[in-house]
Amino acid sequence: MPCAWITSDLQLRLILTLFLVAECLSAGMKGPITSNNSMQQMDNGNHSSDSTITSSMDRKQSTVTLPTEANTSLLVLVGTKSVLYCPPVLRTNVLMATWEIVLRHKPPCFRAFRRDMNRTTTENCTDERITWASRPDENLALLIYPVAITHDGNYTCHIVTLDGNFQHGYHFQVLVPPEVTLIQTENGTAVCKAAAGKPAAQISWTPEGDCVTEQELYWGDGTVTVQSACRWGGHHVPAVFCSVSHLTGNKSLSIQLERENVNLKKQNMLQLLKRMKWNPMPATQRRTIHFMILQTG
């Protein structure tokens, strides 16, 4: 029967240990929790370290291995909301946190928080759309809302803790959907344009034709306009499709070319009539040409 007594004793101590661990977790790991007297009396012999297990839970939680430095690339749609987070360390271990914000054509901006003084400071931060997500003593995250093209840049959270220094950097890239249009010119060329997108869009045609694609970069905000002009020579193409691919989504437009062919014939006939003024032509032939122009209208 001693074996059964030992088994029962171990089971009881395991249950009590699990209970203390659950109590420790529910308390938010705010301080060391010691075991009760009954457990100490049961364990005066070979297992006197059980009380140390629960009292060291906070230390184990606070010493979870974290990378001292991490980096993330973010693609964010213009006009939306974005929240950037600091390294996931225990809030009670934080001594000081600083957000370093480096945007294009602007001096670095710093937002800092000192826990011992419960005070925040800022330097060179003029954009009101970039703020603390909430109270820094509760949440060190950074809020960007609404996201604008000018928010392209690098954001880094530096944290000084009792366990060392940590940082998390974000390479922040703002996406802008292009405005897509498809028209025909008087000479029968189809022109597809993806205007002011970021980054540059890609344009393809169905069916494929003789196309020329150009890009125009706006250096002020980093947006790009892409224009593709296509002709199909002497082929009879009643309709064409312009497909625009972009990180914010894809779009396809179509256009009928039959009407343009009619207009082109009409223009040719008008030019012929102008030449008729200088070259004698039988009246019956002139009436036929006039009739054809009226029919194409």
C-alpha atoms as a PDB file:
ATOM      1  CA  MET A   1       0.000   0.000   0.000  1.00  0.00           C
ATOM      2  CA  PRO A   2       2.883   2.546   0.267  1.00  0.00           C
ATOM      3  CA  CYS A   3       2.910   2.805  -3.496  1.00  0.00           C
ATOM      4  CA  ALA A   4      -0.743   3.770  -3.544  1.00  0.00           C
ATOM      5  CA  TRP A   5      -0.090   6.377  -0.805  1.00  0.00           C
ATOM      6  CA  ILE A   6       2.756   7.883  -2.830  1.00  0.00           C
ATOM      7  CA  THR A   7       0.607   7.990  -5.974  1.00  0.00           C
ATOM      8  CA  SER A   8      -2.239   9.680  -4.126  1.00  0.00           C
ATOM      9  CA  ASP A   9       0.186  12.181  -2.607  1.00  0.00           C
ATOM     10  CA  LEU A  10       1.627  13.074  -6.004  1.00  0.00           C
ATOM     11  CA  GLN A  11      -1.821  13.474  -7.525  1.00  0.00           C
ATOM     12  CA  LEU A  12      -2.915  15.774  -4.711  1.00  0.00           C
ATOM     13  CA  ARG A  13       0.199  17.925  -5.023  1.00  0.00           C
ATOM     14  CA  LEU A  14      -0.314  18.127  -8.803  1.00  0.00           C
ATOM     15  CA  ILE A  15      -3.899  19.295  -8.366  1.00  0.00           C
ATOM     16  CA  LEU A  16      -2.856  21.935  -5.842  1.00  0.00           C
ATOM     17  CA  THR A  17      -0.036  23.115  -8.100  1.00  0.00           C
ATOM     18  CA  LEU A  18      -2.392  23.477 -11.069  1.00  0.00           C
ATOM     19  CA  PHE A  19      -4.811  25.396  -8.869  1.00  0.00           C
ATOM     20  CA  LEU A  20      -2.081  27.802  -7.795  1.00  0.00           C
ATOM     21  CA  VAL A  21      -0.935  28.268 -11.397  1.00  0.00           C
ATOM     22  CA  ALA A  22      -4.504  29.088 -12.478  1.00  0.00           C
ATOM     23  CA  GLU A  23      -4.810  31.496  -9.553  1.00  0.00           C
ATOM     24  CA  CYS A  24      -1.546  33.121 -10.578  1.00  0.00           C
ATOM     25  CA  LEU A  25      -2.641  33.544 -14.175  1.00  0.00           C
ATOM     26  CA  SER A  26      -6.032  34.939 -13.217  1.00  0.00           C
ATOM     27  CA  ALA A  27      -4.307  37.468 -11.000  1.00  0.00           C
ATOM     28  CA  GLY A  28      -2.548  38.851 -14.066  1.00  0.00           C
ATOM     29  CA  MET A  29       0.911  37.832 -12.879  1.00  0.00           C
ATOM     30  CA  LYS A  30       1.143  40.965 -10.750  1.00  0.00           C
ATOM     31  CA  GLY A  31       3.400  39.486  -8.077  1.00  0.00           C
ATOM     32  CA  PRO A  32       4.771  36.255  -6.650  1.00  0.00           C
ATOM     33  CA  ILE A  33       2.274  33.848  -5.164  1.00  0.00           C
ATOM     34  CA  THR A  34       3.400  31.556  -2.357  1.00  0.00           C
ATOM     35  CA  SER A  35       1.969  28.160  -1.630  1.00  0.00           C
ATOM     36  CA  ASN A  36      -0.304  27.571   1.364  1.00  0.00           C
ATOM     37  CA  ASN A  37       0.695  25.951   4.655  1.00  0.00           C
ATOM     38  CA  SER A  38      -0.976  22.631   3.967  1.00  0.00           C
ATOM     39  CA  MET A  39       1.054  22.144   0.824  1.00  0.00           C
ATOM     40  CA  GLN A  40       4.274  23.067   2.632  1.00  0.00           C
ATOM     41  CA  GLN A  41       3.500  20.496   5.368  1.00  0.00           C
ATOM     42  CA  MET A  42       2.908  17.812   2.773  1.00  0.00           C
ATOM     43  CA  ASP A  43       6.223  18.615   1.119  1.00  0.00           C
ATOM     44  CA  ASN A  44       8.703  19.039   3.961  1.00  0.00           C
ATOM     45  CA  GLY A  45      10.699  16.126   2.567  1.00  0.00           C
ATOM     46  CA  ASN A  46      11.915  15.503  -0.962  1.00  0.00           C
ATOM     47  CA  HIS A  47       9.768  18.147  -2.743  1.00  0.00           C
ATOM     48  CA  SER A  48      10.282  21.321  -0.728  1.00  0.00           C
ATOM     49  CA  SER A  49      10.739  23.306  -3.967  1.00  0.00           C
ATOM     50  CA  ASP A  50       7.057  23.176  -4.952  1.00  0.00           C
ATOM     51  CA  SER A  51       6.433  26.532  -3.320  1.00  0.00           C
ATOM     52  CA  THR A  52       9.164  27.950  -5.536  1.00  0.00           C
ATOM     53  CA  ILE A  53       7.377  26.767  -8.697  1.00  0.00           C
ATOM     54  CA  THR A  54       4.393  29.038  -8.258  1.00  0.00           C
ATOM     55  CA  SER A  55       6.389  31.943  -6.874  1.00  0.00           C
ATOM     56  CA  SER A  56       8.607  31.918  -9.970  1.00  0.00           C
ATOM     57  CA  MET A  57       5.770  32.020 -12.507  1.00  0.00           C
ATOM     58  CA  ASP A  58       6.027  35.795 -12.907  1.00  0.00           C
ATOM     59  CA  ARG A  59       9.746  35.549 -13.512  1.00  0.00           C
ATOM     60  CA  LYS A  60       9.222  32.901 -16.161  1.00  0.00           C
ATOM     61  CA  GLN A  61       6.504  35.013 -17.810  1.00  0.00           C
ATOM     62  CA  SER A  62       8.676  38.122 -17.838  1.00  0.00           C
ATOM     63  CA  THR A  63      11.713  36.291 -19.215  1.00  0.00           C
ATOM     64  CA  VAL A  64      10.017  34.769 -22.257  1.00  0.00           C
ATOM     65  CA  THR A  65      12.593  34.898 -25.032  1.00  0.00           C
ATOM     66  CA  LEU A  66      11.814  37.714 -27.458  1.00  0.00           C
ATOM     67  CA  PRO A  67      13.902  38.909 -30.378  1.00  0.00           C
ATOM     68  CA  THR A  68      15.643  42.130 -29.466  1.00  0.00           C
ATOM     69  CA  GLU A  69      14.898  43.457 -32.945  1.00  0.00           C
ATOM     70  CA  ALA A  70      12.159  42.680 -35.472  1.00  0.00           C
ATOM     71  CA  ASN A  71      11.078  44.263 -38.750  1.00  0.00           C
ATOM     72  CA  THR A  72       7.825  44.132 -40.694  1.00  0.00           C
ATOM     73  CA  SER A  73       6.820  45.436 -44.122  1.00  0.00           C
ATOM     74  CA  LEU A  74       3.256  46.746 -44.332  1.00  0.00           C
ATOM     75  CA  LEU A  75       1.098  47.575 -47.371  1.00  0.00           C
ATOM     76  CA  VAL A  76      -1.800  49.787 -46.279  1.00  0.00           C
ATOM     77  CA  LEU A  77      -4.632  51.188 -48.382  1.00  0.00           C
ATOM     78  CA  VAL A  78      -4.957  54.971 -48.381  1.00  0.00           C
ATOM     79  CA  GLY A  79      -7.865  56.290 -46.288  1.00  0.00           C
ATOM     80  CA  THR A  80      -7.980  53.310 -43.935  1.00  0.00           C
ATOM     81  CA  LYS A  81      -6.936  52.874 -40.279  1.00  0.00           C
ATOM     82  CA  SER A  82      -3.644  51.281 -39.245  1.00  0.00           C
ATOM     83  CA  VAL A  83      -2.361  50.323 -35.774  1.00  0.00           C
ATOM     84  CA  LEU A  84       1.334  49.603 -35.187  1.00  0.00           C
ATOM     85  CA  TYR A  85       2.368  47.610 -32.111  1.00  0.00           C
ATOM     86  CA  CYS A  86       5.452  47.599 -29.908  1.00  0.00           C
ATOM     87  CA  PRO A  87       7.243  44.364 -28.935  1.00  0.00           C
ATOM     88  CA  PRO A  88       4.977  42.192 -26.717  1.00  0.00           C
ATOM     89  CA  VAL A  89       6.690  42.652 -23.372  1.00  0.00           C
ATOM     90  CA  LEU A  90       5.051  42.800 -19.956  1.00  0.00           C
ATOM     91  CA  ARG A  91       3.615  46.253 -19.395  1.00  0.00           C
ATOM     92  CA  THR A  92       4.841  46.338 -15.804  1.00  0.00           C
ATOM     93  CA  ASN A  93       8.415  45.779 -16.986  1.00  0.00           C
ATOM     94  CA  VAL A  94       8.460  48.782 -19.323  1.00  0.00           C
ATOM     95  CA  LEU A  95      10.583  51.685 -18.162  1.00  0.00           C
ATOM     96  CA  MET A  96      10.377  53.834 -21.283  1.00  0.00           C
ATOM     97  CA  ALA A  97       8.974  53.526 -24.811  1.00  0.00           C
ATOM     98  CA  THR A  98       9.731  55.695 -27.839  1.00  0.00           C
ATOM     99  CA  TRP A  99       8.214  55.752 -31.316  1.00  0.00           C
ATOM    100  CA  GLU A 100      10.610  57.032 -33.980  1.00  0.00           C
ATOM    101  CA  ILE A 101       8.780  58.113 -37.158  1.00  0.00           C
ATOM    102  CA  VAL A 102      10.749  58.901 -40.305  1.00  0.00           C
ATOM    103  CA  LEU A 103       8.612  60.169 -43.209  1.00  0.00           C
ATOM    104  CA  ARG A 104       9.609  61.376 -46.657  1.00  0.00           C
ATOM    105  CA  HIS A 105      10.962  64.933 -46.796  1.00  0.00           C
ATOM    106  CA  LYS A 106      10.362  65.492 -43.057  1.00  0.00           C
ATOM    107  CA  PRO A 107      12.601  65.509 -39.970  1.00  0.00           C
ATOM    108  CA  PRO A 108      12.261  62.485 -37.646  1.00  0.00           C
ATOM    109  CA  CYS A 109       9.346  62.623 -35.209  1.00  0.00           C
ATOM    110  CA  PHE A 110       9.601  61.144 -31.700  1.00  0.00           C
ATOM    111  CA  ARG A 111       6.792  60.176 -29.309  1.00  0.00           C
ATOM    112  CA  ALA A 112       8.029  58.947 -25.930  1.00  0.00           C
ATOM    113  CA  PHE A 113       6.505  57.644 -22.702  1.00  0.00           C
ATOM    114  CA  ARG A 114       8.162  57.298 -19.267  1.00  0.00           C
ATOM    115  CA  ARG A 115       6.364  54.960 -16.903  1.00  0.00           C
ATOM    116  CA  ASP A 116       7.980  56.171 -13.668  1.00  0.00           C
ATOM    117  CA  MET A 117       6.684  59.699 -14.336  1.00  0.00           C
ATOM    118  CA  ASN A 118       3.602  58.611 -16.328  1.00  0.00           C
ATOM    119  CA  ARG A 119       4.463  61.333 -18.835  1.00  0.00           C
ATOM    120  CA  THR A 120       4.553  61.577 -22.629  1.00  0.00           C
ATOM    121  CA  THR A 121       6.705  63.875 -24.756  1.00  0.00           C
ATOM    122  CA  THR A 122       6.830  64.658 -28.477  1.00  0.00           C
ATOM    123  CA  GLU A 123       9.430  66.165 -30.776  1.00  0.00           C
ATOM    124  CA  ASN A 124       8.944  67.313 -34.405  1.00  0.00           C
ATOM    125  CA  CYS A 125       5.505  65.629 -34.548  1.00  0.00           C
ATOM    126  CA  THR A 126       3.062  67.841 -36.454  1.00  0.00           C
ATOM    127  CA  ASP A 127       0.785  65.306 -38.165  1.00  0.00           C
ATOM    128  CA  GLU A 128      -2.333  64.983 -35.998  1.00  0.00           C
ATOM    129  CA  ARG A 129      -3.337  61.820 -37.865  1.00  0.00           C
ATOM    130  CA  ILE A 130      -0.490  59.926 -36.119  1.00  0.00           C
ATOM    131  CA  THR A 131      -1.202  59.521 -32.392  1.00  0.00           C
ATOM    132  CA  TRP A 132      -1.128  57.050 -29.512  1.00  0.00           C
ATOM    133  CA  ALA A 133      -3.781  54.393 -30.049  1.00  0.00           C
ATOM    134  CA  SER A 134      -4.925  54.884 -26.436  1.00  0.00           C
ATOM    135  CA  ARG A 135      -3.366  55.833 -23.104  1.00  0.00           C
ATOM    136  CA  PRO A 136       0.334  54.886 -23.314  1.00  0.00           C
ATOM    137  CA  ASP A 137       0.312  53.534 -19.765  1.00  0.00           C
ATOM    138  CA  GLU A 138      -2.233  50.978 -20.981  1.00  0.00           C
ATOM    139  CA  ASN A 139      -1.255  50.484 -24.632  1.00  0.00           C
ATOM    140  CA  LEU A 140       1.910  51.618 -26.407  1.00  0.00           C
ATOM    141  CA  ALA A 141       0.498  51.088 -29.912  1.00  0.00           C
ATOM    142  CA  LEU A 142       0.560  53.853 -32.524  1.00  0.00           C
ATOM    143  CA  LEU A 143      -2.560  54.825 -34.484  1.00  0.00           C
ATOM    144  CA  ILE A 144      -2.505  56.212 -38.048  1.00  0.00           C
ATOM    145  CA  TYR A 145      -5.926  57.408 -39.191  1.00  0.00           C
ATOM    146  CA  PRO A 146      -6.804  58.159 -41.857  1.00  0.00           C
ATOM    147  CA  VAL A 147      -3.803  56.829 -43.746  1.00  0.00           C
ATOM    148  CA  ALA A 148      -2.491  59.332 -46.313  1.00  0.00           C
ATOM    149  CA  ILE A 149       0.083  59.122 -49.104  1.00  0.00           C
ATOM    150  CA  THR A 150       2.427  61.229 -47.004  1.00  0.00           C
ATOM    151  CA  HIS A 151       2.559  58.492 -44.339  1.00  0.00           C
ATOM    152  CA  ASP A 152       5.013  56.433 -46.382  1.00  0.00           C
ATOM    153  CA  GLY A 153       8.075  55.812 -44.246  1.00  0.00           C
ATOM    154  CA  ASN A 154       9.643  53.907 -41.374  1.00  0.00           C
ATOM    155  CA  TYR A 155       8.130  53.558 -37.895  1.00  0.00           C
ATOM    156  CA  THR A 156      10.133  52.022 -35.034  1.00  0.00           C
ATOM    157  CA  CYS A 157       9.094  51.310 -31.446  1.00  0.00           C
ATOM    158  CA  HIS A 158      12.022  51.270 -28.990  1.00  0.00           C
ATOM    159  CA  ILE A 159      11.334  49.824 -25.525  1.00  0.00           C
ATOM    160  CA  VAL A 160      13.570  49.873 -22.451  1.00  0.00           C
ATOM    161  CA  THR A 161      12.555  47.194 -19.924  1.00  0.00           C
ATOM    162  CA  LEU A 162      13.878  45.507 -16.825  1.00  0.00           C
ATOM    163  CA  ASP A 163      14.883  42.585 -19.058  1.00  0.00           C
ATOM    164  CA  GLY A 164      16.709  44.614 -21.713  1.00  0.00           C
ATOM    165  CA  ASN A 165      15.956  46.704 -24.785  1.00  0.00           C
ATOM    166  CA  PHE A 166      13.654  45.693 -27.627  1.00  0.00           C
ATOM    167  CA  GLN A 167      12.508  47.280 -30.865  1.00  0.00           C
ATOM    168  CA  HIS A 168      10.080  46.592 -33.689  1.00  0.00           C
ATOM    169  CA  GLY A 169      10.385  48.448 -36.984  1.00  0.00           C
ATOM    170  CA  TYR A 170       7.759  48.849 -39.719  1.00  0.00           C
ATOM    171  CA  HIS A 171       8.427  49.727 -43.346  1.00  0.00           C
ATOM    172  CA  PHE A 172       5.098  51.419 -44.118  1.00  0.00           C
ATOM    173  CA  GLN A 173       3.992  51.663 -47.759  1.00  0.00           C
ATOM    174  CA  VAL A 174       0.698  53.346 -48.688  1.00  0.00           C
ATOM    175  CA  LEU A 175      -1.284  51.919 -51.608  1.00  0.00           C
ATOM    176  CA  VAL A 176      -3.379  54.164 -53.855  1.00  0.00           C
ATOM    177  CA  PRO A 177      -5.823  52.608 -56.361  1.00  0.00           C
ATOM    178  CA  PRO A 178      -5.510  54.100 -59.854  1.00  0.00           C
ATOM    179  CA  GLU A 179      -8.375  55.758 -61.707  1.00  0.00           C
ATOM    180  CA  VAL A 180      -8.979  53.655 -64.823  1.00  0.00           C
ATOM    181  CA  THR A 181     -10.390  55.048 -68.110  1.00  0.00           C
ATOM    182  CA  LEU A 182     -10.715  53.680 -71.640  1.00  0.00           C
ATOM    183  CA  ILE A 183     -11.386  55.894 -74.672  1.00  0.00           C
ATOM    184  CA  GLN A 184     -10.959  55.950 -78.429  1.00  0.00           C
ATOM    185  CA  THR A 185      -9.270  58.708 -80.318  1.00  0.00           C
ATOM    186  CA  GLU A 186     -10.399  60.070 -83.685  1.00  0.00           C
ATOM    187  CA  ASN A 187      -7.834  58.021 -85.568  1.00  0.00           C
ATOM    188  CA  GLY A 188      -9.196  54.769 -84.127  1.00  0.00           C
ATOM    189  CA  THR A 189      -6.603  54.244 -81.378  1.00  0.00           C
ATOM    190  CA  ALA A 190      -7.835  52.786 -78.094  1.00  0.00           C
ATOM    191  CA  VAL A 191      -6.233  54.427 -75.048  1.00  0.00           C
ATOM    192  CA  CYS A 192      -6.361  52.824 -71.597  1.00  0.00           C
ATOM    193  CA  LYS A 193      -5.104  54.893 -68.667  1.00  0.00           C
ATOM    194  CA  ALA A 194      -4.490  53.990 -65.008  1.00  0.00           C
ATOM    195  CA  ALA A 195      -3.980  57.405 -63.422  1.00  0.00           C
ATOM    196  CA  ALA A 196      -2.301  58.339 -60.125  1.00  0.00           C
ATOM    197  CA  GLY A 197      -1.863  54.831 -58.742  1.00  0.00           C
ATOM    198  CA  LYS A 198       0.702  53.725 -56.191  1.00  0.00           C
ATOM    199  CA  PRO A 199       2.613  51.684 -57.082  1.00  0.00           C
ATOM    200  CA  ALA A 200       2.373  51.655 -60.885  1.00  0.00           C
ATOM    201  CA  ALA A 201      -0.382  49.524 -62.398  1.00  0.00           C
ATOM    202  CA  GLN A 202       0.040  46.997 -65.209  1.00  0.00           C
ATOM    203  CA  ILE A 203      -2.108  47.149 -68.361  1.00  0.00           C
ATOM    204  CA  SER A 204      -2.908  44.309 -70.758  1.00  0.00           C
ATOM    205  CA  TRP A 205      -5.221  44.054 -73.794  1.00  0.00           C
ATOM    206  CA  THR A 206      -7.597  41.466 -75.206  1.00  0.00           C
ATOM    207  CA  PRO A 207      -7.090  40.875 -78.075  1.00  0.00           C
ATOM    208  CA  GLU A 208      -3.466  41.877 -78.238  1.00  0.00           C
ATOM    209  CA  GLY A 209      -2.614  44.676 -80.631  1.00  0.00           C
ATOM    210  CA  ASP A 210       0.140  47.027 -81.632  1.00  0.00           C
ATOM    211  CA  CYS A 211       0.499  48.848 -78.292  1.00  0.00           C
ATOM    212  CA  VAL A 212       2.728  51.513 -76.803  1.00  0.00           C
ATOM    213  CA  THR A 213       2.798  51.823 -72.978  1.00  0.00           C
ATOM    214  CA  GLU A 214       4.228  54.796 -71.105  1.00  0.00           C
ATOM    215  CA  GLN A 215       4.611  55.785 -67.451  1.00  0.00           C
ATOM    216  CA  GLU A 216       4.515  59.213 -65.866  1.00  0.00           C
ATOM    217  CA  LEU A 217       5.811  59.526 -62.304  1.00  0.00           C
ATOM    218  CA  TYR A 218       4.579  62.276 -59.996  1.00  0.00           C
ATOM    219  CA  TRP A 219       7.569  62.936 -57.767  1.00  0.00           C
ATOM    220  CA  GLY A 220       5.545  64.950 -55.282  1.00  0.00           C
ATOM    221  CA  ASP A 221       3.510  62.057 -53.887  1.00  0.00           C
ATOM    222  CA  GLY A 222       5.014  58.988 -55.515  1.00  0.00           C
ATOM    223  CA  THR A 223       1.964  58.103 -57.617  1.00  0.00           C
ATOM    224  CA  VAL A 224       2.357  56.878 -61.195  1.00  0.00           C
ATOM    225  CA  THR A 225       0.127  57.214 -64.271  1.00  0.00           C
ATOM    226  CA  VAL A 226       0.361  54.400 -66.816  1.00  0.00           C
ATOM    227  CA  GLN A 227      -1.076  54.857 -70.318  1.00  0.00           C
ATOM    228  CA  SER A 228      -1.315  52.251 -73.061  1.00  0.00           C
ATOM    229  CA  ALA A 229      -2.393  53.106 -76.640  1.00  0.00           C
ATOM    230  CA  CYS A 230      -3.279  50.280 -79.047  1.00  0.00           C
ATOM    231  CA  ARG A 231      -4.161  49.846 -82.704  1.00  0.00           C
ATOM    232  CA  TRP A 232      -5.211  46.715 -84.539  1.00  0.00           C
ATOM    233  CA  GLY A 233      -4.193  47.641 -88.080  1.00  0.00           C
ATOM    234  CA  GLY A 234      -6.444  46.354 -90.805  1.00  0.00           C
ATOM    235  CA  HIS A 235      -7.991  43.645 -88.622  1.00  0.00           C
ATOM    236  CA  HIS A 236     -11.711  43.759 -87.982  1.00  0.00           C
ATOM    237  CA  VAL A 237     -11.922  44.040 -84.176  1.00  0.00           C
ATOM    238  CA  PRO A 238     -15.431  44.937 -82.991  1.00  0.00           C
ATOM    239  CA  ALA A 239     -14.524  45.268 -79.282  1.00  0.00           C
ATOM    240  CA  VAL A 240     -11.435  45.330 -77.078  1.00  0.00           C
ATOM    241  CA  PHE A 241     -10.830  44.823 -73.366  1.00  0.00           C
ATOM    242  CA  CYS A 242      -8.350  46.719 -71.204  1.00  0.00           C
ATOM    243  CA  SER A 243      -7.312  44.895 -68.015  1.00  0.00           C
ATOM    244  CA  VAL A 244      -5.573  46.809 -65.215  1.00  0.00           C
ATOM    245  CA  SER A 245      -3.739  44.872 -62.488  1.00  0.00           C
ATOM    246  CA  HIS A 246      -2.881  46.585 -59.203  1.00  0.00           C
ATOM    247  CA  LEU A 247      -2.119  45.642 -55.596  1.00  0.00           C
ATOM    248  CA  THR A 248      -5.392  47.284 -54.514  1.00  0.00           C
ATOM    249  CA  GLY A 249      -7.452  45.216 -56.961  1.00  0.00           C
ATOM    250  CA  ASN A 250      -7.959  44.483 -60.641  1.00  0.00           C
ATOM    251  CA  LYS A 251     -10.297  46.195 -63.087  1.00  0.00           C
ATOM    252  CA  SER A 252     -11.364  45.511 -66.678  1.00  0.00           C
ATOM    253  CA  LEU A 253     -13.040  47.875 -69.148  1.00  0.00           C
ATOM    254  CA  SER A 254     -14.290  47.265 -72.689  1.00  0.00           C
ATOM    255  CA  ILE A 255     -15.157  49.447 -75.636  1.00  0.00           C
ATOM    256  CA  GLN A 256     -16.867  48.921 -78.998  1.00  0.00           C
ATOM    257  CA  LEU A 257     -14.794  49.852 -82.017  1.00  0.00           C
ATOM    258  CA  GLU A 258     -17.531  49.584 -84.671  1.00  0.00           C
ATOM    259  CA  ARG A 259     -18.767  53.126 -84.149  1.00  0.00           C
ATOM    260  CA  GLU A 260     -15.263  54.493 -84.514  1.00  0.00           C
ATOM    261  CA  ASN A 261     -14.868  52.698 -87.830  1.00  0.00           C
ATOM    262  CA  VAL A 262     -18.054  54.371 -89.069  1.00  0.00           C
ATOM    263  CA  ASN A 263     -16.839  57.780 -87.936  1.00  0.00           C
ATOM    264  CA  LEU A 264     -13.545  57.177 -89.692  1.00  0.00           C
ATOM    265  CA  LYS A 265     -15.376  56.382 -92.927  1.00  0.00           C
ATOM    266  CA  LYS A 266     -17.438  59.514 -92.507  1.00  0.00           C
ATOM    267  CA  GLN A 267     -14.312  61.623 -92.073  1.00  0.00           C
ATOM    268  CA  ASN A 268     -12.820  60.095 -95.237  1.00  0.00           C
ATOM    269  CA  MET A 269     -15.972  60.924 -97.174  1.00  0.00           C
ATOM    270  CA  LEU A 270     -15.946  64.506 -95.909  1.00  0.00           C
ATOM    271  CA  GLN A 271     -12.396  64.866 -97.085  1.00  0.00           C
ATOM    272  CA  LEU A 272     -13.490  63.500-100.432  1.00  0.00           C
ATOM    273  CA  LEU A 273     -16.243  66.115-100.634  1.00  0.00           C
ATOM    274  CA  LYS A 274     -13.708  68.861 -99.984  1.00  0.00           C
ATOM    275  CA  ARG A 275     -11.651  67.609-102.889  1.00  0.00           C
ATOM    276  CA  MET A 276     -14.800  67.580-105.037  1.00  0.00           C
ATOM    277  CA  LYS A 277     -14.933  71.352-104.852  1.00  0.00           C
ATOM    278  CA  TRP A 278     -11.723  71.511-106.820  1.00  0.00           C
ATOM    279  CA  ASN A 279     -12.255  68.547-109.138  1.00  0.00           C
ATOM    280  CA  PRO A 280     -15.265  68.313-111.497  1.00  0.00           C
ATOM    281  CA  MET A 281     -17.506  65.356-110.699  1.00  0.00           C
ATOM    282  CA  PRO A 282     -20.792  64.189-112.182  1.00  0.00           C
ATOM    283  CA  ALA A 283     -23.849  65.236-110.203  1.00  0.00           C
ATOM    284  CA  THR A 284     -25.013  61.632-109.777  1.00  0.00           C
ATOM    285  CA  GLN A 285     -21.713  60.713-108.100  1.00  0.00           C
ATOM    286  CA  ARG A 286     -21.917  63.711-105.760  1.00  0.00           C
ATOM    287  CA  ARG A 287     -25.468  62.739-104.752  1.00  0.00           C
ATOM    288  CA  THR A 288     -24.298  59.167-104.051  1.00  0.00           C
ATOM    289  CA  ILE A 289     -21.544  60.388-101.743  1.00  0.00           C
ATOM    290  CA  HIS A 290     -23.947  62.705 -99.886  1.00  0.00           C
ATOM    291  CA  PHE A 291     -26.348  59.808 -99.419  1.00  0.00           C
ATOM    292  CA  MET A 292     -23.574  57.600 -98.045  1.00  0.00           C
ATOM    293  CA  ILE A 293     -22.580  60.305 -95.519  1.00  0.00           C
ATOM    294  CA  LEU A 294     -26.181  60.580 -94.322  1.00  0.00           C
ATOM    295  CA  GLN A 295     -26.386  56.809 -93.937  1.00  0.00           C
ATOM    296  CA  THR A 296     -23.218  56.662 -91.819  1.00  0.00           C
ATOM    297  CA  GLY A 297     -24.491  59.423 -89.530  1.00  0.00           C
END
